[in-house]
Amino acid sequence: MDTKALVYVAGHRGMVGSAIMRALERAGFKNIITRTHQELDLTDQAAVRSFFQKERPEFVYLVAAKVGGIAFNMAHPAEMLIDNLAIQNNVLQNALDFGTSKLMFLGSSCIYPRLCPQPMKEDYLLTGPLEPTNEAYAIAKIAGLKLCQYLHEQYGANFISVMPSNIYGIGDTYDLEQSHFVPALIRRLSDAKKQGSRAVSIWGTGQARRELLFADDLADACIFLMNTYNEPQFVNIGSGEDHSIAELAKMIAKTIGYQGQLMFDPSRPDGMPQKVLDISKLAALGWSPKIDLAEGLRRTYSDFVFRFAS
C-alpha cells in the first residue's frame, strides 16, 4: 500500500480498529478516513452507499462488527446475525461498486466447528457443527469471508479475509455484559481487589482452553498481509499457543495483584472446549507475533487503570 493512499478503517474506535489506526499512523499513512457510528450507521444501506460514492477509499479494513461475550451472544442471536450481515453486505457491495483496490475482512476463530481438531487449520472450516453459544455470530462471519472469496473469484475483487484468535489489549470496553473474558475478568478482579472481596465466581469449569493475541500484534499482521497477500482463501492470525481459562484467570489476577479465591461455576457454559489456531500458513508468509502474553496483560491492565480505575 502506498502511504499516500486513501484508507478507510471501518470500526476505528474499537480495540482492533484503534490498533490498526496506530499501526497505519506509525507506518506513515496520512489519508485515513474514519466515521463514528453516529456519523455513519453501517447497517444503513443507503448511507453506506452514499459514503462510498463520495469518498471512494482505495483500501478498506472492515473491522466493524457487533460483538459480545457468551452471555450477550446467547441473549441476542437474531440481533447478532442481522446486524453483522448488514454491516458486511453493505461495505463489501459498495467497496466493489465504487472501485476499492483492496479490502480486508476480519472474522473470528469462532467460525470453526465446536469439536474442531486442534490446532485449527483453515481447511477445517464447515467440517462440523458450530458452538451453540456463539452460532449466530459465527454464521455471520462465515458469510462474510465466503462473500469476500466469491467476489474475488467472480469479479476479481482483491478482497481478503483474516481470522484472528481471541484478541485482547488497549482500548477494550471492559463491559461486564458485552466484553469477552479477558476484559471482563480484568474489570471483575480489579473491582474485587478494590472492594476487598475474598472470592470471585467465574463462568464455566475453567478447563476450556483459549489462544490470546495482543491487539497491536493483530494490527501488525493485518498491515503485513494487506501489503503481501492477495489470495481468496482466508488466513488464521494468532500466537499458536493456548492456555486454560483457569490459567489465564490466575495470570490476570497476578497482573492485577488480586489475592482472593477464583471459584469456577460449572453450571455456566464453557463455550468451545478448545480454540487454538494453526498459524503455519501465516508463519510461512513471514510473520510472527512480538508481544508475549505477560507483557500484553500488563499493557492491557495499565490501559484499564488509566481509563477506568483512576
C-alpha atoms as a PDB file:
ATOM      1  CA  MET A   1       0.000   0.000   0.000  1.00  0.00           C
ATOM      2  CA  ASP A   2       1.208   3.485  -0.849  1.00  0.00           C
ATOM      3  CA  THR A   3       1.273   5.608   2.300  1.00  0.00           C
ATOM      4  CA  LYS A   4      -0.463   8.382   0.328  1.00  0.00           C
ATOM      5  CA  ALA A   5      -3.438   6.120  -0.472  1.00  0.00           C
ATOM      6  CA  LEU A   6      -6.902   6.819   0.895  1.00  0.00           C
ATOM      7  CA  VAL A   7      -7.586   4.197   3.590  1.00  0.00           C
ATOM      8  CA  TYR A   8     -10.915   3.610   5.340  1.00  0.00           C
ATOM      9  CA  VAL A   9     -10.902   1.843   8.708  1.00  0.00           C
ATOM     10  CA  ALA A  10     -14.466   0.720   9.461  1.00  0.00           C
ATOM     11  CA  GLY A  11     -14.714   0.309  13.220  1.00  0.00           C
ATOM     12  CA  HIS A  12     -11.784   2.563  14.117  1.00  0.00           C
ATOM     13  CA  ARG A  13     -12.921   3.251  17.691  1.00  0.00           C
ATOM     14  CA  GLY A  14     -12.937  -0.385  18.798  1.00  0.00           C
ATOM     15  CA  MET A  15      -9.968  -2.211  20.265  1.00  0.00           C
ATOM     16  CA  VAL A  16      -8.829  -3.789  16.989  1.00  0.00           C
ATOM     17  CA  GLY A  17      -9.730  -0.801  14.827  1.00  0.00           C
ATOM     18  CA  SER A  18      -7.809   1.596  17.056  1.00  0.00           C
ATOM     19  CA  ALA A  19      -4.804  -0.753  16.990  1.00  0.00           C
ATOM     20  CA  ILE A  20      -4.926  -0.747  13.180  1.00  0.00           C
ATOM     21  CA  MET A  21      -5.111   3.045  13.253  1.00  0.00           C
ATOM     22  CA  ARG A  22      -1.962   3.187  15.405  1.00  0.00           C
ATOM     23  CA  ALA A  23      -0.173   0.765  13.078  1.00  0.00           C
ATOM     24  CA  LEU A  24      -1.116   2.764   9.978  1.00  0.00           C
ATOM     25  CA  GLU A  25      -0.018   6.032  11.568  1.00  0.00           C
ATOM     26  CA  ARG A  26       3.322   4.502  12.620  1.00  0.00           C
ATOM     27  CA  ALA A  27       3.792   3.319   9.036  1.00  0.00           C
ATOM     28  CA  GLY A  28       3.331   6.877   7.744  1.00  0.00           C
ATOM     29  CA  PHE A  29      -0.222   6.756   6.354  1.00  0.00           C
ATOM     30  CA  LYS A  30      -1.733  10.252   6.282  1.00  0.00           C
ATOM     31  CA  ASN A  31      -5.020   9.870   4.378  1.00  0.00           C
ATOM     32  CA  ILE A  32      -7.070   7.716   6.762  1.00  0.00           C
ATOM     33  CA  ILE A  33     -10.866   8.027   6.665  1.00  0.00           C
ATOM     34  CA  THR A  34     -12.963   7.250   9.719  1.00  0.00           C
ATOM     35  CA  ARG A  35     -16.595   7.588  10.716  1.00  0.00           C
ATOM     36  CA  THR A  36     -18.176   7.072  14.115  1.00  0.00           C
ATOM     37  CA  HIS A  37     -21.383   5.049  14.382  1.00  0.00           C
ATOM     38  CA  GLN A  38     -23.272   8.322  14.847  1.00  0.00           C
ATOM     39  CA  GLU A  39     -21.775   9.695  11.638  1.00  0.00           C
ATOM     40  CA  LEU A  40     -22.310   6.520   9.597  1.00  0.00           C
ATOM     41  CA  ASP A  41     -24.514   3.591  10.568  1.00  0.00           C
ATOM     42  CA  LEU A  42     -23.042   0.691   8.610  1.00  0.00           C
ATOM     43  CA  THR A  43     -26.328  -1.226   8.798  1.00  0.00           C
ATOM     44  CA  ASP A  44     -27.950   1.599   6.749  1.00  0.00           C
ATOM     45  CA  GLN A  45     -27.612   0.544   3.112  1.00  0.00           C
ATOM     46  CA  ALA A  46     -28.317   3.974   1.603  1.00  0.00           C
ATOM     47  CA  ALA A  47     -25.948   5.764   3.983  1.00  0.00           C
ATOM     48  CA  VAL A  48     -23.101   3.350   3.264  1.00  0.00           C
ATOM     49  CA  ARG A  49     -23.617   3.681  -0.470  1.00  0.00           C
ATOM     50  CA  SER A  50     -23.556   7.473  -0.230  1.00  0.00           C
ATOM     51  CA  PHE A  51     -20.338   7.339   1.802  1.00  0.00           C
ATOM     52  CA  PHE A  52     -18.517   5.102  -0.693  1.00  0.00           C
ATOM     53  CA  GLN A  53     -19.783   7.093  -3.654  1.00  0.00           C
ATOM     54  CA  LYS A  54     -18.405  10.293  -2.143  1.00  0.00           C
ATOM     55  CA  GLU A  55     -15.143   9.101  -0.573  1.00  0.00           C
ATOM     56  CA  ARG A  56     -14.104   6.173  -2.831  1.00  0.00           C
ATOM     57  CA  PRO A  57     -11.444   4.720  -0.490  1.00  0.00           C
ATOM     58  CA  GLU A  58      -8.629   2.791  -2.167  1.00  0.00           C
ATOM     59  CA  PHE A  59      -8.119   0.435   0.760  1.00  0.00           C
ATOM     60  CA  VAL A  60     -10.599  -0.755   3.399  1.00  0.00           C
ATOM     61  CA  TYR A  61     -10.150  -2.546   6.714  1.00  0.00           C
ATOM     62  CA  LEU A  62     -13.555  -3.983   7.644  1.00  0.00           C
ATOM     63  CA  VAL A  63     -13.206  -4.308  11.412  1.00  0.00           C
ATOM     64  CA  ALA A  64     -16.653  -3.039  12.412  1.00  0.00           C
ATOM     65  CA  ALA A  65     -18.976  -5.649  13.929  1.00  0.00           C
ATOM     66  CA  LYS A  66     -21.481  -6.208  16.688  1.00  0.00           C
ATOM     67  CA  VAL A  67     -19.623  -8.305  19.252  1.00  0.00           C
ATOM     68  CA  GLY A  68     -20.148  -9.747  22.718  1.00  0.00           C
ATOM     69  CA  GLY A  69     -19.228 -12.478  25.138  1.00  0.00           C
ATOM     70  CA  ILE A  70     -21.063 -15.765  25.722  1.00  0.00           C
ATOM     71  CA  ALA A  71     -23.936 -14.241  27.706  1.00  0.00           C
ATOM     72  CA  PHE A  72     -24.596 -11.486  25.162  1.00  0.00           C
ATOM     73  CA  ASN A  73     -24.400 -13.871  22.211  1.00  0.00           C
ATOM     74  CA  MET A  74     -26.856 -16.263  23.838  1.00  0.00           C
ATOM     75  CA  ALA A  75     -29.321 -13.479  24.677  1.00  0.00           C
ATOM     76  CA  HIS A  76     -29.212 -11.680  21.299  1.00  0.00           C
ATOM     77  CA  PRO A  77     -28.647 -14.228  18.479  1.00  0.00           C
ATOM     78  CA  ALA A  78     -31.045 -12.619  15.991  1.00  0.00           C
ATOM     79  CA  GLU A  79     -29.540  -9.185  16.541  1.00  0.00           C
ATOM     80  CA  MET A  80     -26.019 -10.569  16.184  1.00  0.00           C
ATOM     81  CA  LEU A  81     -26.852 -12.215  12.868  1.00  0.00           C
ATOM     82  CA  ILE A  82     -28.961  -9.408  11.373  1.00  0.00           C
ATOM     83  CA  ASP A  83     -26.620  -6.540  12.241  1.00  0.00           C
ATOM     84  CA  ASN A  84     -23.400  -8.279  11.276  1.00  0.00           C
ATOM     85  CA  LEU A  85     -24.770  -9.474   7.951  1.00  0.00           C
ATOM     86  CA  ALA A  86     -25.998  -5.953   7.192  1.00  0.00           C
ATOM     87  CA  ILE A  87     -22.632  -4.349   8.041  1.00  0.00           C
ATOM     88  CA  GLN A  88     -20.684  -6.843   5.937  1.00  0.00           C
ATOM     89  CA  ASN A  89     -23.001  -6.860   2.944  1.00  0.00           C
ATOM     90  CA  ASN A  90     -23.230  -3.070   2.781  1.00  0.00           C
ATOM     91  CA  VAL A  91     -19.490  -2.452   2.996  1.00  0.00           C
ATOM     92  CA  LEU A  92     -18.452  -5.274   0.665  1.00  0.00           C
ATOM     93  CA  GLN A  93     -21.034  -4.486  -2.009  1.00  0.00           C
ATOM     94  CA  ASN A  94     -20.184  -0.786  -2.103  1.00  0.00           C
ATOM     95  CA  ALA A  95     -16.444  -1.360  -1.967  1.00  0.00           C
ATOM     96  CA  LEU A  96     -16.933  -3.486  -5.087  1.00  0.00           C
ATOM     97  CA  ASP A  97     -19.207  -0.972  -6.791  1.00  0.00           C
ATOM     98  CA  PHE A  98     -17.008   2.059  -6.166  1.00  0.00           C
ATOM     99  CA  GLY A  99     -13.621   0.661  -7.050  1.00  0.00           C
ATOM    100  CA  THR A 100     -11.874  -0.159  -3.789  1.00  0.00           C
ATOM    101  CA  SER A 101      -8.488  -1.602  -4.771  1.00  0.00           C
ATOM    102  CA  LYS A 102      -8.170  -3.925  -1.793  1.00  0.00           C
ATOM    103  CA  LEU A 103     -10.248  -4.817   1.251  1.00  0.00           C
ATOM    104  CA  MET A 104      -9.516  -6.861   4.359  1.00  0.00           C
ATOM    105  CA  PHE A 105     -12.372  -8.528   6.239  1.00  0.00           C
ATOM    106  CA  LEU A 106     -11.705  -9.507   9.855  1.00  0.00           C
ATOM    107  CA  GLY A 107     -13.547 -12.548  11.125  1.00  0.00           C
ATOM    108  CA  SER A 108     -13.205 -14.640  14.268  1.00  0.00           C
ATOM    109  CA  SER A 109     -11.894 -18.061  15.269  1.00  0.00           C
ATOM    110  CA  CYS A 110     -15.448 -18.963  16.385  1.00  0.00           C
ATOM    111  CA  ILE A 111     -16.126 -19.842  12.733  1.00  0.00           C
ATOM    112  CA  TYR A 112     -14.613 -23.275  13.324  1.00  0.00           C
ATOM    113  CA  PRO A 113     -16.633 -26.325  14.441  1.00  0.00           C
ATOM    114  CA  ARG A 114     -17.202 -26.757  18.175  1.00  0.00           C
ATOM    115  CA  LEU A 115     -15.235 -30.005  18.307  1.00  0.00           C
ATOM    116  CA  CYS A 116     -12.703 -28.974  15.695  1.00  0.00           C
ATOM    117  CA  PRO A 117      -9.343 -30.807  15.668  1.00  0.00           C
ATOM    118  CA  GLN A 118      -6.634 -28.697  17.288  1.00  0.00           C
ATOM    119  CA  PRO A 119      -4.824 -26.642  16.197  1.00  0.00           C
ATOM    120  CA  MET A 120      -7.485 -25.396  13.774  1.00  0.00           C
ATOM    121  CA  LYS A 121      -6.358 -25.283  10.159  1.00  0.00           C
ATOM    122  CA  GLU A 122      -8.052 -23.072   7.579  1.00  0.00           C
ATOM    123  CA  ASP A 123      -9.196 -26.263   5.804  1.00  0.00           C
ATOM    124  CA  TYR A 124     -11.333 -27.267   8.817  1.00  0.00           C
ATOM    125  CA  LEU A 125     -13.982 -24.618   8.097  1.00  0.00           C
ATOM    126  CA  LEU A 126     -17.503 -26.095   7.707  1.00  0.00           C
ATOM    127  CA  THR A 127     -16.455 -29.612   8.699  1.00  0.00           C
ATOM    128  CA  GLY A 128     -18.775 -29.859  11.721  1.00  0.00           C
ATOM    129  CA  PRO A 129     -21.454 -28.159  13.869  1.00  0.00           C
ATOM    130  CA  LEU A 130     -20.690 -24.758  15.379  1.00  0.00           C
ATOM    131  CA  GLU A 131     -20.535 -23.893  19.081  1.00  0.00           C
ATOM    132  CA  PRO A 132     -24.194 -23.119  20.005  1.00  0.00           C
ATOM    133  CA  THR A 133     -23.383 -20.231  22.350  1.00  0.00           C
ATOM    134  CA  ASN A 134     -21.980 -18.090  19.523  1.00  0.00           C
ATOM    135  CA  GLU A 135     -23.506 -19.747  16.472  1.00  0.00           C
ATOM    136  CA  ALA A 136     -25.222 -16.598  15.156  1.00  0.00           C
ATOM    137  CA  TYR A 137     -22.030 -14.541  15.221  1.00  0.00           C
ATOM    138  CA  ALA A 138     -20.064 -17.385  13.640  1.00  0.00           C
ATOM    139  CA  ILE A 139     -22.589 -17.761  10.807  1.00  0.00           C
ATOM    140  CA  ALA A 140     -22.332 -14.051  10.045  1.00  0.00           C
ATOM    141  CA  LYS A 141     -18.542 -14.203   9.957  1.00  0.00           C
ATOM    142  CA  ILE A 142     -18.559 -17.293   7.733  1.00  0.00           C
ATOM    143  CA  ALA A 143     -20.916 -15.481   5.352  1.00  0.00           C
ATOM    144  CA  GLY A 144     -18.551 -12.506   5.260  1.00  0.00           C
ATOM    145  CA  LEU A 145     -15.424 -14.483   4.467  1.00  0.00           C
ATOM    146  CA  LYS A 146     -17.267 -16.520   1.855  1.00  0.00           C
ATOM    147  CA  LEU A 147     -18.627 -13.362   0.234  1.00  0.00           C
ATOM    148  CA  CYS A 148     -15.077 -11.974   0.024  1.00  0.00           C
ATOM    149  CA  GLN A 149     -13.973 -15.248  -1.569  1.00  0.00           C
ATOM    150  CA  TYR A 150     -16.823 -15.237  -4.098  1.00  0.00           C
ATOM    151  CA  LEU A 151     -16.311 -11.560  -5.020  1.00  0.00           C
ATOM    152  CA  HIS A 152     -12.638 -12.372  -5.536  1.00  0.00           C
ATOM    153  CA  GLU A 153     -13.409 -15.366  -7.730  1.00  0.00           C
ATOM    154  CA  GLN A 154     -16.340 -13.937  -9.697  1.00  0.00           C
ATOM    155  CA  TYR A 155     -15.313 -10.294 -10.130  1.00  0.00           C
ATOM    156  CA  GLY A 156     -11.573 -10.314  -9.480  1.00  0.00           C
ATOM    157  CA  ALA A 157     -12.012  -8.111  -6.412  1.00  0.00           C
ATOM    158  CA  ASN A 158      -8.898  -8.182  -4.242  1.00  0.00           C
ATOM    159  CA  PHE A 159     -10.864  -8.780  -1.052  1.00  0.00           C
ATOM    160  CA  ILE A 160      -9.019 -10.878   1.528  1.00  0.00           C
ATOM    161  CA  SER A 161     -10.087 -12.310   4.886  1.00  0.00           C
ATOM    162  CA  VAL A 162      -8.252 -12.991   8.127  1.00  0.00           C
ATOM    163  CA  MET A 163      -9.432 -14.995  11.139  1.00  0.00           C
ATOM    164  CA  PRO A 164      -7.912 -13.811  14.428  1.00  0.00           C
ATOM    165  CA  SER A 165      -7.765 -15.789  17.644  1.00  0.00           C
ATOM    166  CA  ASN A 166      -9.171 -14.271  20.862  1.00  0.00           C
ATOM    167  CA  ILE A 167      -7.930 -10.688  20.911  1.00  0.00           C
ATOM    168  CA  TYR A 168      -7.251  -8.528  23.953  1.00  0.00           C
ATOM    169  CA  GLY A 169      -5.468  -5.234  24.514  1.00  0.00           C
ATOM    170  CA  ILE A 170      -5.603  -1.469  24.697  1.00  0.00           C
ATOM    171  CA  GLY A 171      -8.976   0.150  24.030  1.00  0.00           C
ATOM    172  CA  ASP A 172     -11.293  -2.678  25.033  1.00  0.00           C
ATOM    173  CA  THR A 173     -14.682  -1.915  26.582  1.00  0.00           C
ATOM    174  CA  TYR A 174     -14.360  -3.798  29.897  1.00  0.00           C
ATOM    175  CA  ASP A 175     -18.151  -4.056  29.849  1.00  0.00           C
ATOM    176  CA  LEU A 176     -19.349  -6.935  32.037  1.00  0.00           C
ATOM    177  CA  GLU A 177     -22.282  -7.752  29.718  1.00  0.00           C
ATOM    178  CA  GLN A 178     -20.753  -7.428  26.260  1.00  0.00           C
ATOM    179  CA  SER A 179     -16.995  -7.869  26.597  1.00  0.00           C
ATOM    180  CA  HIS A 180     -15.020 -11.082  26.143  1.00  0.00           C
ATOM    181  CA  PHE A 181     -13.479 -12.912  29.069  1.00  0.00           C
ATOM    182  CA  VAL A 182     -10.124 -11.087  29.366  1.00  0.00           C
ATOM    183  CA  PRO A 183     -11.511  -7.540  29.758  1.00  0.00           C
ATOM    184  CA  ALA A 184     -14.437  -8.865  31.814  1.00  0.00           C
ATOM    185  CA  LEU A 185     -12.031 -10.621  34.209  1.00  0.00           C
ATOM    186  CA  ILE A 186      -9.822  -7.544  34.435  1.00  0.00           C
ATOM    187  CA  ARG A 187     -12.853  -5.494  35.402  1.00  0.00           C
ATOM    188  CA  ARG A 188     -14.229  -8.023  37.875  1.00  0.00           C
ATOM    189  CA  LEU A 189     -10.933  -8.837  39.570  1.00  0.00           C
ATOM    190  CA  SER A 190      -9.982  -5.176  39.773  1.00  0.00           C
ATOM    191  CA  ASP A 191     -13.342  -4.387  41.380  1.00  0.00           C
ATOM    192  CA  ALA A 192     -12.909  -7.343  43.765  1.00  0.00           C
ATOM    193  CA  LYS A 193      -9.471  -6.103  44.812  1.00  0.00           C
ATOM    194  CA  LYS A 194     -10.799  -2.594  45.407  1.00  0.00           C
ATOM    195  CA  GLN A 195     -13.764  -3.897  47.430  1.00  0.00           C
ATOM    196  CA  GLY A 196     -11.708  -6.410  49.396  1.00  0.00           C
ATOM    197  CA  SER A 197     -13.724  -9.398  48.133  1.00  0.00           C
ATOM    198  CA  ARG A 198     -12.293 -12.737  49.196  1.00  0.00           C
ATOM    199  CA  ALA A 199     -13.564 -14.692  46.170  1.00  0.00           C
ATOM    200  CA  VAL A 200     -14.725 -14.156  42.597  1.00  0.00           C
ATOM    201  CA  SER A 201     -17.020 -16.516  40.683  1.00  0.00           C
ATOM    202  CA  ILE A 202     -16.054 -17.234  37.066  1.00  0.00           C
ATOM    203  CA  TRP A 203     -18.280 -18.831  34.413  1.00  0.00           C
ATOM    204  CA  GLY A 204     -17.535 -22.422  33.422  1.00  0.00           C
ATOM    205  CA  THR A 205     -15.227 -25.144  34.655  1.00  0.00           C
ATOM    206  CA  GLY A 206     -12.015 -23.236  33.933  1.00  0.00           C
ATOM    207  CA  GLN A 207     -10.871 -26.139  31.734  1.00  0.00           C
ATOM    208  CA  ALA A 208     -11.745 -24.635  28.343  1.00  0.00           C
ATOM    209  CA  ARG A 209      -8.634 -23.505  26.513  1.00  0.00           C
ATOM    210  CA  ARG A 210      -8.126 -20.262  24.622  1.00  0.00           C
ATOM    211  CA  GLU A 211      -5.409 -18.694  22.492  1.00  0.00           C
ATOM    212  CA  LEU A 212      -4.806 -14.984  23.030  1.00  0.00           C
ATOM    213  CA  LEU A 213      -3.202 -12.396  20.759  1.00  0.00           C
ATOM    214  CA  PHE A 214      -2.470  -8.792  21.710  1.00  0.00           C
ATOM    215  CA  ALA A 215      -4.412  -6.331  19.534  1.00  0.00           C
ATOM    216  CA  ASP A 216      -1.301  -4.480  18.370  1.00  0.00           C
ATOM    217  CA  ASP A 217       0.195  -7.747  17.146  1.00  0.00           C
ATOM    218  CA  LEU A 218      -3.012  -8.401  15.206  1.00  0.00           C
ATOM    219  CA  ALA A 219      -2.820  -4.926  13.684  1.00  0.00           C
ATOM    220  CA  ASP A 220       0.786  -5.524  12.657  1.00  0.00           C
ATOM    221  CA  ALA A 221      -0.226  -8.796  10.984  1.00  0.00           C
ATOM    222  CA  CYS A 222      -3.106  -7.068   9.181  1.00  0.00           C
ATOM    223  CA  ILE A 223      -0.809  -4.390   7.723  1.00  0.00           C
ATOM    224  CA  PHE A 224       1.667  -7.110   6.731  1.00  0.00           C
ATOM    225  CA  LEU A 225      -0.983  -9.165   4.911  1.00  0.00           C
ATOM    226  CA  MET A 226      -2.534  -6.110   3.272  1.00  0.00           C
ATOM    227  CA  ASN A 227       0.878  -5.487   1.706  1.00  0.00           C
ATOM    228  CA  THR A 228       1.753  -9.077   0.797  1.00  0.00           C
ATOM    229  CA  TYR A 229      -1.288 -11.369   0.486  1.00  0.00           C
ATOM    230  CA  ASN A 230      -3.731 -11.451  -2.438  1.00  0.00           C
ATOM    231  CA  GLU A 231      -5.434 -14.858  -2.365  1.00  0.00           C
ATOM    232  CA  PRO A 232      -9.166 -15.602  -1.869  1.00  0.00           C
ATOM    233  CA  GLN A 233      -8.527 -18.171   0.900  1.00  0.00           C
ATOM    234  CA  PHE A 234      -8.602 -16.711   4.401  1.00  0.00           C
ATOM    235  CA  VAL A 235      -5.616 -16.715   6.783  1.00  0.00           C
ATOM    236  CA  ASN A 236      -5.517 -17.501  10.504  1.00  0.00           C
ATOM    237  CA  ILE A 237      -3.826 -14.925  12.761  1.00  0.00           C
ATOM    238  CA  GLY A 238      -2.809 -15.968  16.251  1.00  0.00           C
ATOM    239  CA  SER A 239       0.002 -16.813  18.629  1.00  0.00           C
ATOM    240  CA  GLY A 240      -0.295 -20.580  18.156  1.00  0.00           C
ATOM    241  CA  GLU A 241      -0.309 -21.120  21.945  1.00  0.00           C
ATOM    242  CA  ASP A 242      -3.290 -21.739  24.231  1.00  0.00           C
ATOM    243  CA  HIS A 243      -3.974 -21.762  27.984  1.00  0.00           C
ATOM    244  CA  SER A 244      -6.870 -22.931  30.115  1.00  0.00           C
ATOM    245  CA  ILE A 245      -9.307 -20.297  31.369  1.00  0.00           C
ATOM    246  CA  ALA A 246      -8.142 -21.167  34.894  1.00  0.00           C
ATOM    247  CA  GLU A 247      -4.509 -20.479  33.955  1.00  0.00           C
ATOM    248  CA  LEU A 248      -5.444 -17.209  32.264  1.00  0.00           C
ATOM    249  CA  ALA A 249      -7.551 -16.121  35.241  1.00  0.00           C
ATOM    250  CA  LYS A 250      -4.580 -16.733  37.557  1.00  0.00           C
ATOM    251  CA  MET A 251      -2.305 -14.724  35.250  1.00  0.00           C
ATOM    252  CA  ILE A 252      -4.769 -11.841  35.202  1.00  0.00           C
ATOM    253  CA  ALA A 253      -5.169 -11.981  38.989  1.00  0.00           C
ATOM    254  CA  LYS A 254      -1.364 -11.875  39.378  1.00  0.00           C
ATOM    255  CA  THR A 255      -1.143  -8.918  36.979  1.00  0.00           C
ATOM    256  CA  ILE A 256      -3.765  -7.020  38.979  1.00  0.00           C
ATOM    257  CA  GLY A 257      -2.490  -8.109  42.384  1.00  0.00           C
ATOM    258  CA  TYR A 258      -5.747  -9.780  43.420  1.00  0.00           C
ATOM    259  CA  GLN A 259      -5.071 -12.493  46.006  1.00  0.00           C
ATOM    260  CA  GLY A 260      -8.601 -13.793  46.627  1.00  0.00           C
ATOM    261  CA  GLN A 261     -10.014 -17.164  45.568  1.00  0.00           C
ATOM    262  CA  LEU A 262     -11.057 -17.866  41.987  1.00  0.00           C
ATOM    263  CA  MET A 263     -14.209 -20.010  42.060  1.00  0.00           C
ATOM    264  CA  PHE A 264     -15.386 -21.639  38.838  1.00  0.00           C
ATOM    265  CA  ASP A 265     -19.100 -22.232  38.216  1.00  0.00           C
ATOM    266  CA  PRO A 266     -19.634 -25.421  36.145  1.00  0.00           C
ATOM    267  CA  SER A 267     -23.361 -24.661  35.848  1.00  0.00           C
ATOM    268  CA  ARG A 268     -22.387 -21.915  33.384  1.00  0.00           C
ATOM    269  CA  PRO A 269     -21.277 -22.734  29.803  1.00  0.00           C
ATOM    270  CA  ASP A 270     -17.617 -23.047  28.832  1.00  0.00           C
ATOM    271  CA  GLY A 271     -18.182 -22.335  25.145  1.00  0.00           C
ATOM    272  CA  MET A 272     -15.888 -24.256  22.798  1.00  0.00           C
ATOM    273  CA  PRO A 273     -13.696 -26.745  24.696  1.00  0.00           C
ATOM    274  CA  GLN A 274     -10.563 -25.505  22.958  1.00  0.00           C
ATOM    275  CA  LYS A 275      -9.649 -22.859  20.411  1.00  0.00           C
ATOM    276  CA  VAL A 276      -6.100 -22.625  19.135  1.00  0.00           C
ATOM    277  CA  LEU A 277      -5.296 -21.729  15.553  1.00  0.00           C
ATOM    278  CA  ASP A 278      -2.845 -23.377  13.212  1.00  0.00           C
ATOM    279  CA  ILE A 279      -0.755 -20.380  12.135  1.00  0.00           C
ATOM    280  CA  SER A 280       1.659 -22.248   9.851  1.00  0.00           C
ATOM    281  CA  LYS A 281       0.271 -20.508   6.765  1.00  0.00           C
ATOM    282  CA  LEU A 282       0.923 -17.073   8.240  1.00  0.00           C
ATOM    283  CA  ALA A 283       4.343 -18.116   9.529  1.00  0.00           C
ATOM    284  CA  ALA A 284       5.278 -19.347   6.046  1.00  0.00           C
ATOM    285  CA  LEU A 285       4.385 -15.903   4.703  1.00  0.00           C
ATOM    286  CA  GLY A 286       6.928 -14.411   7.108  1.00  0.00           C
ATOM    287  CA  TRP A 287       5.016 -13.034  10.120  1.00  0.00           C
ATOM    288  CA  SER A 288       5.100 -13.924  13.813  1.00  0.00           C
ATOM    289  CA  PRO A 289       3.818 -12.151  16.967  1.00  0.00           C
ATOM    290  CA  LYS A 290       6.133  -9.933  19.002  1.00  0.00           C
ATOM    291  CA  ILE A 291       4.329  -9.274  22.313  1.00  0.00           C
ATOM    292  CA  ASP A 292       4.165 -12.151  24.803  1.00  0.00           C
ATOM    293  CA  LEU A 293       1.130 -12.813  26.996  1.00  0.00           C
ATOM    294  CA  ALA A 294       2.574 -11.486  30.264  1.00  0.00           C
ATOM    295  CA  GLU A 295       3.614  -8.196  28.654  1.00  0.00           C
ATOM    296  CA  GLY A 296       0.303  -7.901  26.805  1.00  0.00           C
ATOM    297  CA  LEU A 297      -1.672  -8.365  30.022  1.00  0.00           C
ATOM    298  CA  ARG A 298       0.459  -5.727  31.770  1.00  0.00           C
ATOM    299  CA  ARG A 299      -0.215  -3.225  28.980  1.00  0.00           C
ATOM    300  CA  THR A 300      -3.918  -4.065  28.964  1.00  0.00           C
ATOM    301  CA  TYR A 301      -4.279  -3.636  32.721  1.00  0.00           C
ATOM    302  CA  SER A 302      -2.392  -0.330  32.567  1.00  0.00           C
ATOM    303  CA  ASP A 303      -4.890   0.821  29.935  1.00  0.00           C
ATOM    304  CA  PHE A 304      -7.778  -0.205  32.191  1.00  0.00           C
ATOM    305  CA  VAL A 305      -6.328   1.658  35.177  1.00  0.00           C
ATOM    306  CA  PHE A 306      -5.710   4.780  33.094  1.00  0.00           C
ATOM    307  CA  ARG A 307      -9.206   4.819  31.611  1.00  0.00           C
ATOM    308  CA  PHE A 308     -11.452   3.478  34.363  1.00  0.00           C
ATOM    309  CA  ALA A 309      -9.795   2.994  37.716  1.00  0.00           C
ATOM    310  CA  SER A 310      -8.025   6.294  38.308  1.00  0.00           C
END
